[in-house]
Protein backbone atom coordinates (compact mmCIF):
# COMPACT_ATOMS: atom_id res chain seq x y z
CA MET A 1 0.00 0.02 0.01
CA LYS A 2 1.28 3.39 -0.90
CA ASN A 3 2.08 5.87 1.94
CA HIS A 4 -0.42 8.54 0.72
CA ASN A 5 -3.20 6.03 0.11
CA SER A 6 -4.98 6.24 3.32
CA PHE A 7 -5.18 10.06 3.30
CA PHE A 8 -5.96 10.11 -0.45
CA VAL A 9 -8.84 7.73 -0.23
CA LYS A 10 -10.46 9.49 2.78
CA TYR A 11 -9.90 12.99 1.35
CA HIS A 12 -13.36 14.51 0.71
CA LYS A 13 -12.49 16.70 -2.20
CA PRO A 14 -11.47 15.60 -5.72
CA ALA A 15 -7.83 14.76 -5.85
CA ILE A 16 -5.51 13.68 -8.65
CA ILE A 17 -1.92 12.30 -8.39
CA SER A 18 0.18 12.57 -11.53
CA GLU A 19 3.77 12.18 -12.55
CA ALA A 20 5.67 15.49 -12.25
CA ASP A 21 7.58 15.03 -15.49
CA SER A 22 5.04 13.62 -17.86
CA GLY A 23 1.74 14.65 -16.32
CA LYS A 24 0.53 11.18 -16.59
CA ILE A 25 -2.31 10.47 -14.15
CA ILE A 26 -1.39 7.62 -11.80
CA GLU A 27 -4.09 7.87 -9.17
CA VAL A 28 -7.51 9.50 -8.60
CA ASN A 29 -9.94 9.39 -5.70
CA GLU A 30 -13.57 8.49 -5.81
CA GLN A 31 -14.57 12.22 -5.83
CA VAL A 32 -12.75 12.66 -9.14
CA LEU A 33 -14.48 9.65 -10.68
CA GLN A 34 -17.84 11.01 -9.78
CA LEU A 35 -17.05 14.52 -10.83
CA PHE A 36 -15.83 13.48 -14.25
CA ASN A 37 -18.19 10.44 -14.55
CA LYS A 38 -15.12 8.32 -15.71
CA SER A 39 -13.57 5.09 -14.55
CA ASN A 40 -10.10 4.64 -13.08
CA GLU A 41 -8.97 2.94 -16.24
CA GLU A 42 -10.07 5.98 -18.26
CA PHE A 43 -8.15 8.34 -16.15
CA PHE A 44 -5.01 6.13 -16.29
CA ASN A 45 -4.80 6.83 -20.03
CA LEU A 46 -4.85 10.58 -19.54
CA LYS A 47 -2.37 13.34 -18.60
CA ARG A 48 -3.04 16.53 -16.58
CA SER A 49 -3.18 18.46 -19.91
CA ASP A 50 -6.10 16.29 -21.14
CA ILE A 51 -8.35 17.53 -18.33
CA PHE A 52 -7.11 20.90 -17.21
CA PRO A 53 -6.84 24.12 -19.22
CA GLN A 54 -3.30 25.29 -20.13
CA LYS A 55 -3.48 28.30 -17.88
CA ALA A 56 -4.47 26.11 -14.84
CA LEU A 57 -1.44 23.90 -15.59
CA LYS A 58 0.92 26.88 -15.71
CA ASP A 59 -0.50 28.15 -12.36
CA LEU A 60 -0.11 24.64 -10.84
CA ASP A 61 3.48 24.34 -12.01
CA LYS A 62 4.22 27.66 -10.33
CA GLN A 63 2.88 26.44 -7.08
CA ILE A 64 4.92 23.26 -7.14
């Protein structure tokens, strides 16, 4: 089990974990699945850039 898993699963807001370099989505919580009405498998074929506007990605990169 991953270290973040317990917190991540219990977190009540939508949360996505992605690879820093590629932006590939590697984990989503249940709230994300409900928000986007997609399955885990669908998300694992996506990158951050597939679901977030370019400006939001630039702002996110500044925060990290």
